[in-house]
Amino acid sequence: METFLTTLKAVIDSLGATVVLPIIIFILGLILGAKPGKAFRAGVTIGIAFIGINLVINLMWGTLSDVAQAMVTNWNIQRDVVDVGWPSAAAIAFGTDVGLWVIPIALAVNIVFLLIKWTKTLNIDVWNFWHFAFLGSLVYVATGNLTYGLVASAIAAALGLFVADWTAKAVQSFYKLPGISIPHLTSGPGVPFAIITNWILDRIPGVKNWKADPDTIQKRLGVFGEPVILGLVIGLVLGVLGYYNAEQAVVKVLQTGINLAAVMLLLPRMVQILMEGLIPISEAARDFMKKRASDREIYIGLDSAILIGHPAAISTALVLVPIAILLSIILPGNRVILFADLAVIPFAVAMFAPLMRGNIFRMIVAGTLELIAGFYIATGMADFFTSAALNAGFAMPEGAAKITSIADGFMWTGLVFTKLVDWLGGIGGLAVLAVAILALFFFYRRNPKAWDVVAGAPKETSKK
């Protein structure tokens, strides 16, 4: 069994998400009754779309990493916990002993929850199972017990399904993604920050009426409010902050501006291509369930990469980049320096948009609160993160005493998982986690309409 899993993991790693996902989509389409040609075209189209999305994200990644490095150098920021980026975090998660088993564990959890009708989400985002492996690896490091780590990864997989179901109606309505849910544990943990921020801002006279969604901004600012021009302006500002004293400063500032303008234009276009592939599969799933399960609804769980092209999400994230750098300087007790993972901020804030109706001001406030909490979480979790990296054989960056990443290193989920097993022991901590997740499912199933609305779904789209 272990040899098979090792081979399967190696194949998935070598093929990558852009190849594995089309294969899964094709097989899923056939199972759901789609014609082979239609299922094949859907899989290929989705693969192409994700290649496009990844190309644009890599452009954003490189641009933001370079300008962040320049800011850090200009402002002489020195910290002993280094942000190594989500690719390193994923490699660490899949490289530990827990990572070998996470795919069958997560699939088994999903199948069981579908069979007992506790979830509507079929999570086909296999590549992002690394989030479940990561949480399991932290528990493994905290307890020294592989079994506890595997159980924790199963609980994490269940948490992903709950978040996906809870936010599905909001995501589907706001982002116009019928039949889709997001079981992504970099995006889902941000929803409580959005709920808290909304509650606070709704009680501040004047502020509660501020409208700052992309459409309103465009109407007020005209051409300067268009997403592409906003990206250009934000990019120019970031470029000035990073390269004001660099050689060829003007060139670098202009390149930063045009690169981020390109991101604002191209990401939504790539998502449109993705939807072209997803719609036939979503329709096949609906027809399949209508014939065999009395109209039971099934969601297809995907990467939150399909959300970040929205102007509200990407604009918020770009504004949060200098805020994140500033916070790393001024927060007392913070030991984290950001580099590689600044391009993950759109993923962290994308789930704010449905609840806040795309209000960029509110999303920036919520994102700032999440970052503040994240810096302290990452500082406190650095020992566990670094130990998990060493367990996976990860090569530490030169000069780095400890490492982290915004993707999962900043998330409250890792803190909760590790601290519970640390305080209550392996069995006690895992029992509390399991009971808490099952309680969330139980209460959600009792009144899904109310829960959906809390997550941002319009009242008329949320049904029991």
Protein backbone atom coordinates (compact mmCIF):
# COMPACT_ATOMS: atom_id res chain seq x y z
CA MET A 1 0.00 0.00 0.00
CA GLU A 2 2.76 2.40 0.95
CA THR A 3 4.56 1.73 -2.33
CA PHE A 4 1.36 2.43 -4.27
CA LEU A 5 0.80 5.70 -2.41
CA THR A 6 4.40 6.73 -2.96
CA THR A 7 4.01 6.07 -6.69
CA LEU A 8 0.66 7.89 -6.82
CA LYS A 9 2.11 10.89 -5.00
CA ALA A 10 5.11 10.96 -7.33
CA VAL A 11 2.87 10.84 -10.40
CA ILE A 12 0.66 13.68 -9.13
CA ASP A 13 3.71 15.75 -8.21
CA SER A 14 5.32 15.21 -11.62
CA LEU A 15 2.17 15.91 -13.63
CA GLY A 16 1.11 18.93 -11.60
CA ALA A 17 -2.36 20.32 -11.00
CA THR A 18 -2.80 21.54 -14.58
CA VAL A 19 -2.60 17.97 -15.88
CA VAL A 20 -4.16 16.06 -12.99
CA LEU A 21 -7.25 18.28 -12.77
CA PRO A 22 -8.27 17.83 -16.47
CA ILE A 23 -7.96 14.07 -16.06
CA ILE A 24 -10.17 14.16 -12.96
CA ILE A 25 -12.67 16.42 -14.74
CA PHE A 26 -12.81 14.05 -17.73
CA ILE A 27 -13.39 10.98 -15.53
CA LEU A 28 -15.93 12.85 -13.42
CA GLY A 29 -17.77 13.99 -16.53
CA LEU A 30 -18.05 10.41 -17.78
CA ILE A 31 -19.31 9.22 -14.39
CA LEU A 32 -21.93 11.96 -14.37
CA GLY A 33 -23.17 10.91 -17.81
CA ALA A 34 -21.64 13.59 -20.03
CA LYS A 35 -20.78 12.52 -23.55
CA PRO A 36 -17.09 11.52 -23.89
CA GLY A 37 -16.34 14.31 -26.34
CA LYS A 38 -17.97 16.92 -24.15
CA ALA A 39 -16.24 15.64 -21.00
CA PHE A 40 -12.88 15.57 -22.79
CA ARG A 41 -13.26 19.11 -24.09
CA ALA A 42 -14.32 20.33 -20.62
CA GLY A 43 -11.24 18.77 -19.03
CA VAL A 44 -8.86 20.22 -21.62
CA THR A 45 -10.48 23.67 -21.38
CA ILE A 46 -10.20 23.67 -17.59
CA GLY A 47 -6.56 22.60 -17.83
CA ILE A 48 -5.83 25.44 -20.26
CA ALA A 49 -7.62 27.91 -18.01
CA PHE A 50 -5.56 26.89 -14.98
CA ILE A 51 -2.37 27.19 -17.02
CA GLY A 52 -3.45 30.73 -17.90
CA ILE A 53 -4.37 31.52 -14.31
CA ASN A 54 -1.02 30.19 -13.09
CA LEU A 55 0.88 32.22 -15.69
CA VAL A 56 -0.85 35.42 -14.55
CA ILE A 57 -0.40 34.54 -10.87
CA ASN A 58 3.30 33.89 -11.50
CA LEU A 59 3.56 37.32 -13.14
CA MET A 60 1.95 38.84 -10.05
CA TRP A 61 4.12 36.66 -7.81
CA GLY A 62 7.36 37.76 -9.41
CA THR A 63 6.36 41.43 -9.52
CA LEU A 64 5.23 41.57 -5.88
CA SER A 65 8.18 39.52 -4.60
CA ASP A 66 10.66 41.83 -6.32
CA VAL A 67 9.03 45.02 -5.08
CA ALA A 68 8.68 43.56 -1.56
CA GLN A 69 12.37 42.64 -1.53
CA ALA A 70 13.19 46.18 -2.58
CA MET A 71 10.98 47.65 0.18
CA VAL A 72 12.53 45.41 2.79
CA THR A 73 16.01 46.45 1.67
CA ASN A 74 15.10 50.15 1.58
CA TRP A 75 13.59 50.08 5.04
CA ASN A 76 16.27 47.77 6.50
CA ILE A 77 13.77 45.26 7.88
CA GLN A 78 15.43 42.34 9.67
CA ARG A 79 13.54 39.41 11.19
CA ASP A 80 14.51 35.83 12.03
CA VAL A 81 11.36 34.12 10.64
CA VAL A 82 11.47 34.13 6.84
CA ASP A 83 8.44 33.74 4.54
CA VAL A 84 9.34 30.94 2.10
CA GLY A 85 6.08 30.94 0.11
CA TRP A 86 3.25 28.47 -0.41
CA PRO A 87 5.15 26.23 -2.90
CA SER A 88 7.62 25.50 -0.13
CA ALA A 89 4.78 24.96 2.35
CA ALA A 90 3.11 22.53 -0.08
CA ALA A 91 6.38 20.68 -0.64
CA ILE A 92 6.84 20.43 3.12
CA ALA A 93 3.28 19.15 3.62
CA PHE A 94 3.53 16.49 0.92
CA GLY A 95 7.08 15.63 1.95
CA THR A 96 6.26 14.57 5.50
CA ASP A 97 5.04 11.11 6.50
CA VAL A 98 1.51 12.53 6.73
CA GLY A 99 1.64 13.82 3.14
CA LEU A 100 1.99 10.31 1.77
CA TRP A 101 -1.44 9.32 3.11
CA VAL A 102 -3.41 12.52 2.74
CA ILE A 103 -4.98 11.82 -0.69
CA PRO A 104 -6.72 8.55 0.26
CA ILE A 105 -7.66 9.97 3.67
CA ALA A 106 -9.23 13.14 2.23
CA LEU A 107 -11.04 11.20 -0.49
CA ALA A 108 -12.39 8.73 2.08
CA VAL A 109 -13.66 11.54 4.30
CA ASN A 110 -15.34 13.18 1.31
CA ILE A 111 -17.01 9.95 0.17
CA VAL A 112 -18.30 9.14 3.65
CA PHE A 113 -19.72 12.63 4.14
CA LEU A 114 -21.38 12.50 0.73
CA LEU A 115 -22.91 9.09 1.48
CA ILE A 116 -24.35 10.20 4.81
CA LYS A 117 -25.51 13.44 3.15
CA TRP A 118 -23.55 15.69 5.48
CA THR A 119 -21.87 17.54 2.62
CA LYS A 120 -22.81 18.66 -0.87
CA THR A 121 -19.21 19.19 -1.96
CA LEU A 122 -17.27 16.77 -4.15
CA ASN A 123 -13.74 18.07 -3.63
CA ILE A 124 -11.78 17.39 -6.82
CA ASP A 125 -9.05 19.90 -5.99
CA VAL A 126 -6.62 17.08 -5.18
CA TRP A 127 -3.52 19.22 -5.47
CA ASN A 128 -4.70 21.43 -2.60
CA PHE A 129 -5.05 18.47 -0.28
CA TRP A 130 -1.64 19.70 0.85
CA HIS A 131 -3.47 22.07 3.21
CA PHE A 132 -4.89 19.05 5.04
CA ALA A 133 -1.47 17.40 5.04
CA PHE A 134 0.07 20.57 6.40
CA LEU A 135 -2.23 20.71 9.42
CA GLY A 136 -1.70 16.99 9.97
CA SER A 137 2.07 17.50 9.76
CA LEU A 138 1.95 20.23 12.40
CA VAL A 139 0.07 17.89 14.73
CA TYR A 140 2.57 15.11 13.94
CA VAL A 141 5.43 17.45 14.89
CA ALA A 142 3.63 18.63 18.03
CA THR A 143 2.88 15.09 19.29
CA GLY A 144 5.52 12.91 17.62
CA ASN A 145 2.70 10.49 16.74
CA LEU A 146 2.02 9.75 13.05
CA THR A 147 -1.47 8.39 13.77
CA TYR A 148 -2.46 11.65 15.42
CA GLY A 149 -1.16 13.51 12.38
CA LEU A 150 -3.24 11.35 10.02
CA VAL A 151 -6.37 11.86 12.13
CA ALA A 152 -5.73 15.60 12.14
CA SER A 153 -5.48 15.62 8.33
CA ALA A 154 -8.86 13.81 8.17
CA ILE A 155 -10.39 16.44 10.48
CA ALA A 156 -8.86 19.16 8.29
CA ALA A 157 -10.43 17.58 5.20
CA ALA A 158 -13.82 17.64 6.95
CA LEU A 159 -13.26 21.29 7.90
CA GLY A 160 -12.59 22.07 4.23
CA LEU A 161 -15.91 20.46 3.27
CA PHE A 162 -17.78 22.44 5.92
CA VAL A 163 -16.28 25.75 4.79
CA ALA A 164 -17.10 24.86 1.18
CA ASP A 165 -20.74 24.08 1.93
CA TRP A 166 -21.20 27.07 4.24
CA THR A 167 -19.86 29.60 1.73
CA ALA A 168 -21.11 27.92 -1.47
CA LYS A 169 -24.28 29.97 -1.96
CA ALA A 170 -22.40 33.21 -1.33
CA VAL A 171 -19.63 32.27 -3.76
CA GLN A 172 -22.04 31.05 -6.42
CA SER A 173 -24.15 34.20 -6.25
CA PHE A 174 -21.42 36.86 -6.02
CA TYR A 175 -18.90 35.29 -8.39
CA LYS A 176 -21.49 33.84 -10.79
CA LEU A 177 -20.14 30.30 -10.37
CA PRO A 178 -23.15 27.92 -10.40
CA GLY A 179 -22.58 24.56 -8.75
CA ILE A 180 -19.13 25.47 -7.40
CA SER A 181 -17.80 25.53 -3.83
CA ILE A 182 -14.37 26.37 -2.39
CA PRO A 183 -12.89 23.88 0.13
CA HIS A 184 -9.65 25.88 0.27
CA LEU A 185 -8.05 26.33 3.71
CA THR A 186 -6.13 29.47 2.81
CA SER A 187 -9.34 31.27 1.83
CA GLY A 188 -11.95 29.81 4.20
CA PRO A 189 -10.30 30.84 7.50
CA GLY A 190 -10.67 34.49 6.51
CA VAL A 191 -14.48 34.41 6.57
CA PRO A 192 -14.72 35.04 10.36
CA PHE A 193 -12.58 38.18 9.94
CA ALA A 194 -15.01 39.43 7.30
CA ILE A 195 -18.01 38.70 9.53
CA ILE A 196 -16.46 40.48 12.52
CA THR A 197 -15.35 43.46 10.41
CA ASN A 198 -18.79 43.82 8.83
CA TRP A 199 -20.44 43.71 12.25
CA ILE A 200 -18.15 46.46 13.56
CA LEU A 201 -18.39 48.72 10.50
CA ASP A 202 -22.18 48.40 10.39
CA ARG A 203 -22.26 50.05 13.80
CA ILE A 204 -20.10 53.07 12.93
CA PRO A 205 -22.25 56.04 11.80
CA GLY A 206 -21.32 57.31 8.37
CA VAL A 207 -18.77 54.57 7.72
CA LYS A 208 -21.48 51.95 7.50
CA ASN A 209 -22.87 53.67 4.40
CA TRP A 210 -19.60 53.98 2.49
CA LYS A 211 -19.78 52.26 -0.87
CA ALA A 212 -16.48 51.19 -2.37
CA ASP A 213 -17.26 48.28 -4.68
CA PRO A 214 -15.58 48.29 -8.14
CA ASP A 215 -18.69 49.55 -9.93
CA THR A 216 -19.14 52.48 -7.54
CA ILE A 217 -15.45 53.37 -7.73
CA GLN A 218 -15.56 53.29 -11.52
CA LYS A 219 -18.64 55.52 -11.64
CA ARG A 220 -17.00 58.07 -9.34
CA LEU A 221 -13.54 58.02 -10.89
CA GLY A 222 -14.41 57.33 -14.50
CA VAL A 223 -11.58 55.78 -16.47
CA PHE A 224 -9.34 55.96 -13.38
CA GLY A 225 -11.75 53.66 -11.58
CA GLU A 226 -11.49 50.88 -14.14
CA PRO A 227 -9.75 47.73 -12.82
CA VAL A 228 -6.90 47.97 -15.32
CA ILE A 229 -6.15 51.60 -14.43
CA LEU A 230 -6.46 50.83 -10.71
CA GLY A 231 -3.92 48.05 -11.17
CA LEU A 232 -1.63 50.44 -13.02
CA VAL A 233 -1.91 53.13 -10.33
CA ILE A 234 -1.41 50.70 -7.46
CA GLY A 235 1.54 49.17 -9.30
CA LEU A 236 3.13 52.58 -9.85
CA VAL A 237 2.73 53.43 -6.16
CA LEU A 238 4.27 50.10 -5.11
CA GLY A 239 7.05 50.62 -7.64
CA VAL A 240 7.88 54.04 -6.23
CA LEU A 241 7.94 52.65 -2.67
CA GLY A 242 10.26 49.85 -3.73
CA TYR A 243 12.49 51.33 -6.42
CA TYR A 244 12.74 55.07 -5.69
CA ASN A 245 16.48 54.76 -5.06
CA ALA A 246 17.28 51.89 -7.44
CA GLU A 247 19.18 51.95 -10.71
CA GLN A 248 16.79 52.43 -13.63
CA ALA A 249 14.12 53.39 -11.08
CA VAL A 250 11.75 54.83 -13.68
CA VAL A 251 11.90 51.65 -15.78
CA LYS A 252 11.24 49.41 -12.79
CA VAL A 253 8.37 51.57 -11.54
CA LEU A 254 6.73 51.55 -14.97
CA GLN A 255 7.23 47.79 -15.34
CA THR A 256 5.62 47.19 -11.94
CA GLY A 257 2.65 49.32 -12.93
CA ILE A 258 2.05 47.68 -16.30
CA ASN A 259 2.57 44.17 -14.88
CA LEU A 260 -0.13 44.67 -12.25
CA ALA A 261 -2.41 46.32 -14.80
CA ALA A 262 -1.97 43.17 -16.92
CA VAL A 263 -2.89 41.01 -13.91
CA MET A 264 -6.11 42.98 -13.42
CA LEU A 265 -7.11 42.44 -17.06
CA LEU A 266 -5.93 38.88 -17.67
CA LEU A 267 -7.04 37.06 -14.52
CA PRO A 268 -10.78 37.62 -15.14
CA ARG A 269 -10.32 36.50 -18.76
CA MET A 270 -8.71 33.25 -17.60
CA VAL A 271 -11.59 32.64 -15.19
CA GLN A 272 -14.03 33.08 -18.09
CA ILE A 273 -12.21 30.29 -19.95
CA LEU A 274 -12.40 28.16 -16.83
CA MET A 275 -16.15 28.64 -16.63
CA GLU A 276 -16.48 27.55 -20.24
CA GLY A 277 -15.11 24.18 -19.15
CA LEU A 278 -16.94 23.99 -15.83
CA ILE A 279 -20.46 24.69 -17.03
CA PRO A 280 -20.91 21.36 -18.91
CA ILE A 281 -19.69 19.42 -15.87
CA SER A 282 -21.93 21.40 -13.54
CA GLU A 283 -24.92 20.73 -15.80
CA ALA A 284 -24.06 17.03 -15.98
CA ALA A 285 -23.85 16.87 -12.17
CA ARG A 286 -27.25 18.54 -11.85
CA ASP A 287 -28.85 16.14 -14.35
CA PHE A 288 -27.19 13.15 -12.69
CA MET A 289 -28.52 14.05 -9.25
CA LYS A 290 -31.95 14.91 -10.62
CA LYS A 291 -32.32 11.43 -12.08
CA ARG A 292 -30.81 9.46 -9.20
CA ALA A 293 -31.14 11.46 -6.01
CA SER A 294 -34.39 13.42 -6.07
CA ASP A 295 -32.80 16.71 -7.09
CA ARG A 296 -30.12 16.49 -4.40
CA GLU A 297 -27.63 19.30 -4.95
CA ILE A 298 -23.93 18.51 -5.47
CA TYR A 299 -21.18 21.14 -5.59
CA ILE A 300 -17.86 20.73 -7.35
CA GLY A 301 -15.07 21.82 -4.98
CA LEU A 302 -12.32 23.84 -6.66
CA ASP A 303 -9.28 25.99 -5.92
CA SER A 304 -10.00 29.57 -4.85
CA ALA A 305 -7.76 30.64 -7.75
CA ILE A 306 -11.02 30.93 -9.70
CA LEU A 307 -12.07 33.80 -7.39
CA ILE A 308 -9.03 36.04 -7.26
CA GLY A 309 -9.53 37.56 -10.71
CA HIS A 310 -12.45 39.61 -9.44
CA PRO A 311 -11.53 43.33 -9.29
CA ALA A 312 -12.55 43.57 -5.62
CA ALA A 313 -10.30 40.67 -4.60
CA ILE A 314 -7.23 41.65 -6.58
CA SER A 315 -7.51 45.39 -5.83
CA THR A 316 -7.81 44.67 -2.11
CA ALA A 317 -4.80 42.39 -2.22
CA LEU A 318 -2.59 44.90 -4.02
CA VAL A 319 -3.43 47.62 -1.49
CA LEU A 320 -2.66 45.19 1.33
CA VAL A 321 0.89 44.54 0.07
CA PRO A 322 2.42 47.79 1.44
CA ILE A 323 0.18 47.48 4.51
CA ALA A 324 1.62 44.01 5.15
CA ILE A 325 5.19 45.33 4.82
CA LEU A 326 4.37 48.22 7.18
CA LEU A 327 2.80 45.86 9.71
CA SER A 328 5.92 43.70 9.69
CA ILE A 329 7.85 46.81 10.81
CA ILE A 330 5.55 48.32 13.42
CA LEU A 331 3.91 45.33 15.15
CA PRO A 332 5.60 44.81 18.53
CA GLY A 333 6.86 41.29 19.01
CA ASN A 334 6.56 40.32 15.35
CA ARG A 335 9.47 38.22 14.07
CA VAL A 336 8.25 37.55 10.51
CA ILE A 337 9.60 39.12 7.34
CA LEU A 338 7.50 38.71 4.18
CA PHE A 339 8.95 37.88 0.78
CA ALA A 340 7.64 35.07 -1.34
CA ASP A 341 4.00 34.81 -0.28
CA LEU A 342 2.67 38.32 -0.82
CA ALA A 343 0.94 37.06 -3.97
CA VAL A 344 -1.12 34.75 -1.73
CA ILE A 345 -2.98 37.70 -0.20
CA PRO A 346 -5.68 37.59 -2.95
CA PHE A 347 -6.44 34.00 -1.91
CA ALA A 348 -6.68 35.03 1.75
CA VAL A 349 -9.20 37.82 1.07
CA ALA A 350 -11.23 36.41 -1.86
CA MET A 351 -13.94 34.99 0.41
CA PHE A 352 -14.53 38.44 1.94
CA ALA A 353 -16.10 39.75 -1.25
CA PRO A 354 -19.50 37.99 -1.15
CA LEU A 355 -20.17 39.00 2.45
CA MET A 356 -19.01 42.58 1.85
CA ARG A 357 -20.60 42.85 -1.60
CA GLY A 358 -17.21 43.68 -3.09
CA ASN A 359 -16.69 46.71 -0.83
CA ILE A 360 -12.93 47.20 -1.20
CA PHE A 361 -12.68 49.49 1.85
CA ARG A 362 -14.27 46.88 4.10
CA MET A 363 -12.16 44.12 2.56
CA ILE A 364 -8.98 46.10 3.23
CA VAL A 365 -9.99 46.58 6.88
CA ALA A 366 -10.78 42.87 7.27
CA GLY A 367 -7.57 41.93 5.46
CA THR A 368 -5.54 44.17 7.76
CA LEU A 369 -7.08 42.51 10.82
CA GLU A 370 -6.33 39.09 9.36
CA LEU A 371 -2.72 40.09 8.64
CA ILE A 372 -2.22 41.47 12.16
CA ALA A 373 -3.47 38.21 13.64
CA GLY A 374 -1.42 36.30 11.06
CA PHE A 375 1.88 37.90 12.02
CA TYR A 376 1.46 36.82 15.63
CA ILE A 377 0.20 33.37 14.65
CA ALA A 378 3.17 32.88 12.34
CA THR A 379 5.58 34.11 15.01
CA GLY A 380 4.12 31.69 17.55
CA MET A 381 3.96 28.80 15.06
CA ALA A 382 7.43 29.23 13.58
CA ASP A 383 8.95 26.40 15.64
CA PHE A 384 6.28 23.92 14.49
CA PHE A 385 6.51 25.10 10.87
CA THR A 386 10.30 24.78 10.87
CA SER A 387 10.21 21.35 12.51
CA ALA A 388 7.74 20.12 9.89
CA ALA A 389 10.09 21.44 7.19
CA LEU A 390 13.06 19.60 8.67
CA ASN A 391 10.95 16.42 8.94
CA ALA A 392 10.24 16.71 5.20
CA GLY A 393 13.92 17.25 4.37
CA PHE A 394 13.32 20.86 3.29
CA ALA A 395 16.49 22.86 2.59
CA MET A 396 16.39 25.94 4.81
CA PRO A 397 17.13 29.26 3.09
CA GLU A 398 20.57 30.66 3.80
CA GLY A 399 20.58 32.79 6.92
CA ALA A 400 17.05 31.79 7.98
CA ALA A 401 16.69 30.60 11.55
CA LYS A 402 12.99 29.76 11.14
CA ILE A 403 10.47 29.82 8.31
CA THR A 404 6.78 30.36 7.63
CA SER A 405 4.37 31.32 4.82
CA ILE A 406 1.19 33.38 4.56
CA ALA A 407 -0.53 30.31 3.08
CA ASP A 408 -1.35 28.34 6.23
CA GLY A 409 1.45 29.74 8.38
CA PHE A 410 -0.68 32.86 9.01
CA MET A 411 -3.96 30.97 9.40
CA TRP A 412 -5.69 30.44 12.74
CA THR A 413 -6.42 26.83 11.80
CA GLY A 414 -2.81 25.77 12.31
CA LEU A 415 -2.68 27.52 15.67
CA VAL A 416 -5.91 25.86 16.85
CA PHE A 417 -4.89 22.37 15.72
CA THR A 418 -1.42 22.43 17.26
CA LYS A 419 -2.25 24.24 20.48
CA LEU A 420 -5.18 21.95 21.27
CA VAL A 421 -3.10 18.80 20.92
CA ASP A 422 -0.28 20.53 22.81
CA TRP A 423 -2.52 21.56 25.72
CA LEU A 424 -4.92 18.61 25.86
CA GLY A 425 -2.67 15.85 24.55
CA GLY A 426 -3.04 14.06 21.23
CA ILE A 427 -6.26 12.17 21.91
CA GLY A 428 -7.89 14.97 23.91
CA GLY A 429 -7.06 17.69 21.40
CA LEU A 430 -8.16 15.65 18.40
CA ALA A 431 -11.38 14.67 20.15
CA VAL A 432 -12.21 18.34 20.78
CA LEU A 433 -11.43 19.17 17.14
CA ALA A 434 -13.57 16.30 15.81
CA VAL A 435 -16.51 17.18 18.05
CA ALA A 436 -16.24 20.85 17.05
CA ILE A 437 -16.27 20.03 13.31
CA LEU A 438 -19.18 17.61 13.66
CA ALA A 439 -21.07 20.22 15.69
CA LEU A 440 -20.57 22.75 12.89
CA PHE A 441 -22.03 20.31 10.37
CA PHE A 442 -24.92 19.48 12.72
CA PHE A 443 -25.93 23.07 13.37
CA TYR A 444 -25.44 24.06 9.73
CA ARG A 445 -27.72 21.25 8.56
CA ARG A 446 -30.41 22.35 11.03
CA ASN A 447 -30.69 25.83 9.52
CA PRO A 448 -28.59 26.17 6.34
CA LYS A 449 -30.46 29.26 5.16
CA ALA A 450 -29.41 31.33 8.15
CA TRP A 451 -25.81 30.11 7.97
CA ASP A 452 -25.62 30.82 4.23
CA VAL A 453 -26.77 34.40 4.76
CA VAL A 454 -24.16 34.91 7.51
CA ALA A 455 -21.49 33.86 4.99
CA GLY A 456 -22.76 36.40 2.45
CA ALA A 457 -25.46 34.64 0.44
CA PRO A 458 -28.42 36.80 -0.64
CA LYS A 459 -31.50 35.67 1.25
CA GLU A 460 -33.39 34.73 -1.91
CA THR A 461 -30.62 32.35 -3.12
CA SER A 462 -30.23 30.40 0.12
CA LYS A 463 -32.63 27.52 0.51
CA LYS A 464 -33.13 24.92 3.14
